[in-house]
Amino acid sequence: MAVEVLRFDNIGMRYGVGPEILRDVSFGLEQGSFHFLTGSSGAGKTTLLKLMYLSHRPSRGLVHVFGKDISVTPRASLPALRRRIGVVFQDFRLLDHLTAVQNVALPLVVSGLKDDKLDQHVRELLTWVGLADRLDAKPSTLSGGQQQRVAIARAVINRPRLLLADEPTGNVDNEIAVRLMYLFEELNKMGTTVVIATHNDDLISQFRHPVLQLSSGELIQLPPRWQRGR
């Protein structure tokens, strides 16, 4: 039987007394799966990612992450679960006073890892994403695309069990976008479950993974594009 790293059952989400942004959303992510998350602006993609990252609790329904029912999990236990999740935010959330290397190394430092090869590993990853000449640069001196690549490197450096990325290729050219997708796929081959929120239809067509599509707050699960219409 396949192991699920995450399951949503009949999830509803609203902010305050407003209308529901998500309605009766149910799906599971098997360990080692790779999905795209799509939908028009305002469809609820970012809200869904926040629920998956445990930064929000749903208005109704059940969320299980790594086998734990979040509704009965103490808040004090949530940070440990979050450390097993890598997240690429649209606003990057880099620390301005740290260099690119220090930002990427942060998850390893927080987890208490002490390894003489840590710095070398971080620098190699940043070089691979095309930032060999900006290793010691601070975020304020980097372009939006460069900051995005630092944020992606930070999210994958500790090989999380679940990786969530919100438009990770939105500020880079096509060549870098494809290179980043290969990075996500390599991480996936090592066992990480990956969810990529994107509007980039070319990437969805080129990298043949199933799609979670949000429309008006409801979720539709679609097979890889090449399998449709069979």
Protein backbone atom coordinates (compact mmCIF):
# COMPACT_ATOMS: atom_id res chain seq x y z
CA MET A 1 0.00 0.00 0.00
CA ALA A 2 1.37 3.41 -0.99
CA VAL A 3 2.39 5.75 1.81
CA GLU A 4 0.84 9.21 1.73
CA VAL A 5 2.82 12.17 3.02
CA LEU A 6 -0.28 14.39 2.92
CA ARG A 7 -4.06 13.94 2.75
CA PHE A 8 -6.87 16.49 2.60
CA ASP A 9 -10.43 15.32 3.29
CA ASN A 10 -13.33 17.67 2.49
CA ILE A 11 -11.30 20.79 3.21
CA GLY A 12 -13.03 24.16 3.28
CA MET A 13 -11.22 27.45 3.85
CA ARG A 14 -12.49 30.98 4.36
CA TYR A 15 -10.95 34.08 5.87
CA GLY A 16 -13.13 35.68 8.53
CA VAL A 17 -16.78 35.81 7.50
CA GLY A 18 -16.00 35.96 3.77
CA PRO A 19 -16.93 33.32 1.19
CA GLU A 20 -15.10 30.01 1.07
CA ILE A 21 -11.92 30.20 -1.00
CA LEU A 22 -11.60 26.40 -1.05
CA ARG A 23 -14.59 24.06 -1.04
CA ASP A 24 -14.66 20.31 -0.35
CA VAL A 25 -11.06 19.77 -1.45
CA SER A 26 -10.00 16.13 -1.13
CA PHE A 27 -6.79 14.54 -2.42
CA GLY A 28 -3.70 12.65 -1.28
CA LEU A 29 -0.02 12.92 -2.17
CA GLU A 30 1.82 9.62 -2.28
CA GLN A 31 5.40 9.58 -1.10
CA GLY A 32 7.68 10.28 -4.04
CA SER A 33 4.97 11.75 -6.29
CA PHE A 34 5.33 14.92 -8.39
CA HIS A 35 2.39 17.20 -9.18
CA PHE A 36 1.83 20.55 -10.82
CA LEU A 37 -0.74 22.84 -9.19
CA THR A 38 -2.55 25.11 -11.62
CA GLY A 39 -5.48 27.51 -11.70
CA SER A 40 -6.28 31.07 -12.65
CA SER A 41 -5.32 34.00 -10.43
CA GLY A 42 -7.53 33.96 -7.34
CA ALA A 43 -8.39 30.26 -7.70
CA GLY A 44 -6.90 29.50 -4.27
CA LYS A 45 -3.47 28.06 -5.12
CA THR A 46 -1.53 30.08 -2.54
CA THR A 47 -4.13 29.33 0.14
CA LEU A 48 -3.89 25.62 -0.63
CA LEU A 49 -0.09 25.74 -0.37
CA LYS A 50 -0.35 27.53 3.00
CA LEU A 51 -2.61 24.77 4.29
CA MET A 52 -0.14 22.16 3.03
CA TYR A 53 2.71 24.01 4.73
CA LEU A 54 0.73 24.17 8.00
CA SER A 55 0.89 27.95 8.26
CA HIS A 56 -2.94 27.96 8.28
CA ARG A 57 -5.56 25.58 9.62
CA PRO A 58 -8.64 24.89 7.49
CA SER A 59 -12.09 26.19 8.38
CA ARG A 60 -13.39 22.65 8.08
CA GLY A 61 -12.24 19.18 7.05
CA LEU A 62 -9.23 17.09 7.99
CA VAL A 63 -5.54 17.48 7.12
CA HIS A 64 -3.05 14.68 7.67
CA VAL A 65 0.66 15.41 7.19
CA PHE A 66 3.22 12.62 7.56
CA GLY A 67 0.45 10.52 9.09
CA LYS A 68 -0.49 13.06 11.76
CA ASP A 69 -3.99 14.54 12.12
CA ILE A 70 -3.28 18.26 12.26
CA SER A 71 -6.59 19.02 14.02
CA VAL A 72 -5.35 17.22 17.17
CA THR A 73 -1.63 18.00 16.83
CA PRO A 74 -0.42 20.55 19.43
CA ARG A 75 0.80 23.82 17.95
CA ALA A 76 4.13 23.28 19.69
CA SER A 77 4.67 20.19 17.53
CA LEU A 78 4.05 21.95 14.21
CA PRO A 79 7.55 23.50 13.77
CA ALA A 80 9.13 20.02 13.77
CA LEU A 81 6.72 18.94 11.02
CA ARG A 82 7.40 22.11 9.02
CA ARG A 83 11.14 21.43 9.10
CA ARG A 84 10.43 18.35 6.96
CA ILE A 85 8.78 20.58 4.34
CA GLY A 86 10.73 22.75 1.92
CA VAL A 87 8.89 25.85 0.68
CA VAL A 88 9.65 28.31 -2.12
CA PHE A 89 7.56 31.43 -1.46
CA GLN A 90 6.66 33.98 -4.12
CA ASP A 91 8.15 36.74 -1.95
CA PHE A 92 11.36 34.67 -1.39
CA ARG A 93 11.67 35.57 2.36
CA LEU A 94 15.44 35.83 2.31
CA LEU A 95 17.21 37.41 5.28
CA ASP A 96 18.72 40.70 4.13
CA HIS A 97 21.68 40.67 6.51
CA LEU A 98 22.89 37.25 5.33
CA THR A 99 24.80 36.37 2.16
CA ALA A 100 23.44 33.96 -0.45
CA VAL A 101 25.53 31.14 1.05
CA GLN A 102 24.34 31.94 4.57
CA ASN A 103 20.68 32.10 3.49
CA VAL A 104 20.89 28.71 1.80
CA ALA A 105 22.74 27.13 4.73
CA LEU A 106 20.17 28.37 7.25
CA PRO A 107 17.90 25.26 7.27
CA LEU A 108 20.93 23.07 7.96
CA VAL A 109 22.15 25.35 10.73
CA VAL A 110 18.69 25.48 12.35
CA SER A 111 18.49 21.68 12.31
CA GLY A 112 21.80 21.52 14.16
CA LEU A 113 23.85 20.00 11.36
CA LYS A 114 27.58 20.45 11.86
CA ASP A 115 29.56 19.26 8.88
CA ASP A 116 32.87 20.47 7.55
CA LYS A 117 31.50 19.97 4.03
CA LEU A 118 28.34 22.06 4.63
CA ASP A 119 29.78 25.24 3.14
CA GLN A 120 31.13 23.39 0.12
CA HIS A 121 27.77 21.69 -0.49
CA VAL A 122 25.92 25.03 -0.33
CA ARG A 123 28.36 26.68 -2.73
CA GLU A 124 28.10 23.79 -5.20
CA LEU A 125 24.29 24.02 -5.21
CA LEU A 126 24.36 27.79 -5.77
CA THR A 127 26.87 27.30 -8.58
CA TRP A 128 24.59 24.72 -10.19
CA VAL A 129 21.68 27.20 -10.25
CA GLY A 130 23.91 29.78 -11.95
CA LEU A 131 25.04 31.93 -9.03
CA ALA A 132 28.74 31.05 -8.85
CA ASP A 133 29.68 34.73 -9.01
CA ARG A 134 27.15 35.86 -6.36
CA LEU A 135 27.87 33.46 -3.50
CA ASP A 136 28.72 36.17 -0.98
CA ALA A 137 26.19 38.73 -2.23
CA LYS A 138 23.36 39.92 0.00
CA PRO A 139 19.75 39.82 -1.25
CA SER A 140 19.50 43.59 -1.77
CA THR A 141 22.21 43.38 -4.44
CA LEU A 142 20.56 40.51 -6.33
CA SER A 143 17.97 40.70 -9.09
CA GLY A 144 14.53 39.16 -8.58
CA GLY A 145 15.50 36.08 -10.57
CA GLN A 146 18.73 35.66 -8.61
CA GLN A 147 16.88 35.98 -5.31
CA GLN A 148 14.43 33.34 -6.52
CA ARG A 149 17.26 30.91 -7.22
CA VAL A 150 18.70 31.49 -3.74
CA ALA A 151 15.25 30.79 -2.26
CA ILE A 152 14.96 27.56 -4.27
CA ALA A 153 18.42 26.41 -3.21
CA ARG A 154 17.49 27.09 0.43
CA ALA A 155 14.27 25.06 0.08
CA VAL A 156 16.00 21.96 -1.32
CA ILE A 157 19.34 22.02 0.55
CA ASN A 158 18.23 19.61 3.29
CA ARG A 159 16.34 17.23 0.99
CA PRO A 160 12.88 17.75 2.52
CA ARG A 161 10.26 14.98 2.47
CA LEU A 162 7.79 17.39 0.86
CA LEU A 163 8.68 20.35 -1.37
CA LEU A 164 6.12 23.06 -2.14
CA ALA A 165 7.02 25.76 -4.67
CA ASP A 166 4.83 28.76 -5.54
CA GLU A 167 5.68 29.90 -9.11
CA PRO A 168 9.37 28.96 -8.71
CA THR A 169 10.21 29.76 -12.34
CA GLY A 170 8.25 32.99 -12.60
CA ASN A 171 11.23 35.37 -12.56
CA VAL A 172 13.80 33.45 -14.59
CA ASP A 173 14.35 32.85 -18.29
CA ASN A 174 13.38 29.57 -19.95
CA GLU A 175 16.87 28.07 -19.79
CA ILE A 176 17.11 28.59 -16.02
CA ALA A 177 13.48 27.46 -15.59
CA VAL A 178 14.28 24.13 -17.22
CA ARG A 179 17.43 23.75 -15.15
CA LEU A 180 15.44 24.36 -11.97
CA MET A 181 12.86 21.79 -13.04
CA TYR A 182 15.65 19.25 -13.49
CA LEU A 183 16.77 20.08 -9.94
CA PHE A 184 13.25 19.42 -8.64
CA GLU A 185 13.10 16.15 -10.57
CA GLU A 186 16.44 14.98 -9.18
CA LEU A 187 15.19 15.72 -5.68
CA ASN A 188 12.01 13.81 -6.51
CA LYS A 189 14.05 10.79 -7.65
CA MET A 190 15.64 10.73 -4.20
CA GLY A 191 12.19 10.36 -2.63
CA THR A 192 10.96 13.91 -2.06
CA THR A 193 7.30 14.55 -2.86
CA VAL A 194 7.06 17.68 -5.03
CA VAL A 195 4.22 20.14 -5.73
CA ILE A 196 4.94 23.00 -8.17
CA ALA A 197 2.36 25.79 -8.52
CA THR A 198 2.76 27.34 -11.95
CA HIS A 199 1.06 29.18 -14.81
CA ASN A 200 3.74 28.00 -17.25
CA ASP A 201 1.96 25.69 -19.70
CA ASP A 202 5.20 24.99 -21.55
CA LEU A 203 6.75 23.47 -18.43
CA ILE A 204 3.62 21.44 -17.74
CA SER A 205 3.79 20.06 -21.28
CA GLN A 206 7.53 19.43 -21.22
CA PHE A 207 7.65 17.74 -17.81
CA ARG A 208 4.96 15.11 -17.85
CA HIS A 209 3.55 15.05 -14.33
CA PRO A 210 -0.06 14.88 -13.13
CA VAL A 211 -1.89 18.12 -12.41
CA LEU A 212 -3.95 19.38 -9.49
CA GLN A 213 -6.18 22.05 -11.03
CA LEU A 214 -8.10 24.57 -8.93
CA SER A 215 -11.15 26.23 -10.38
CA SER A 216 -13.41 28.47 -8.29
CA GLY A 217 -12.14 26.86 -5.10
CA GLU A 218 -12.71 23.27 -6.23
CA LEU A 219 -9.97 20.77 -7.07
CA ILE A 220 -9.79 18.55 -10.14
CA GLN A 221 -7.08 15.91 -10.47
CA LEU A 222 -5.79 15.46 -14.02
CA PRO A 223 -3.32 12.94 -15.48
CA PRO A 224 -0.16 14.13 -17.25
CA ARG A 225 -1.10 16.12 -20.31
CA TRP A 226 0.26 13.53 -22.76
CA GLN A 227 -2.13 10.90 -21.36
CA ARG A 228 -5.27 12.98 -21.77
CA GLY A 229 -7.69 12.12 -24.52
CA ARG A 230 -6.72 8.46 -24.62
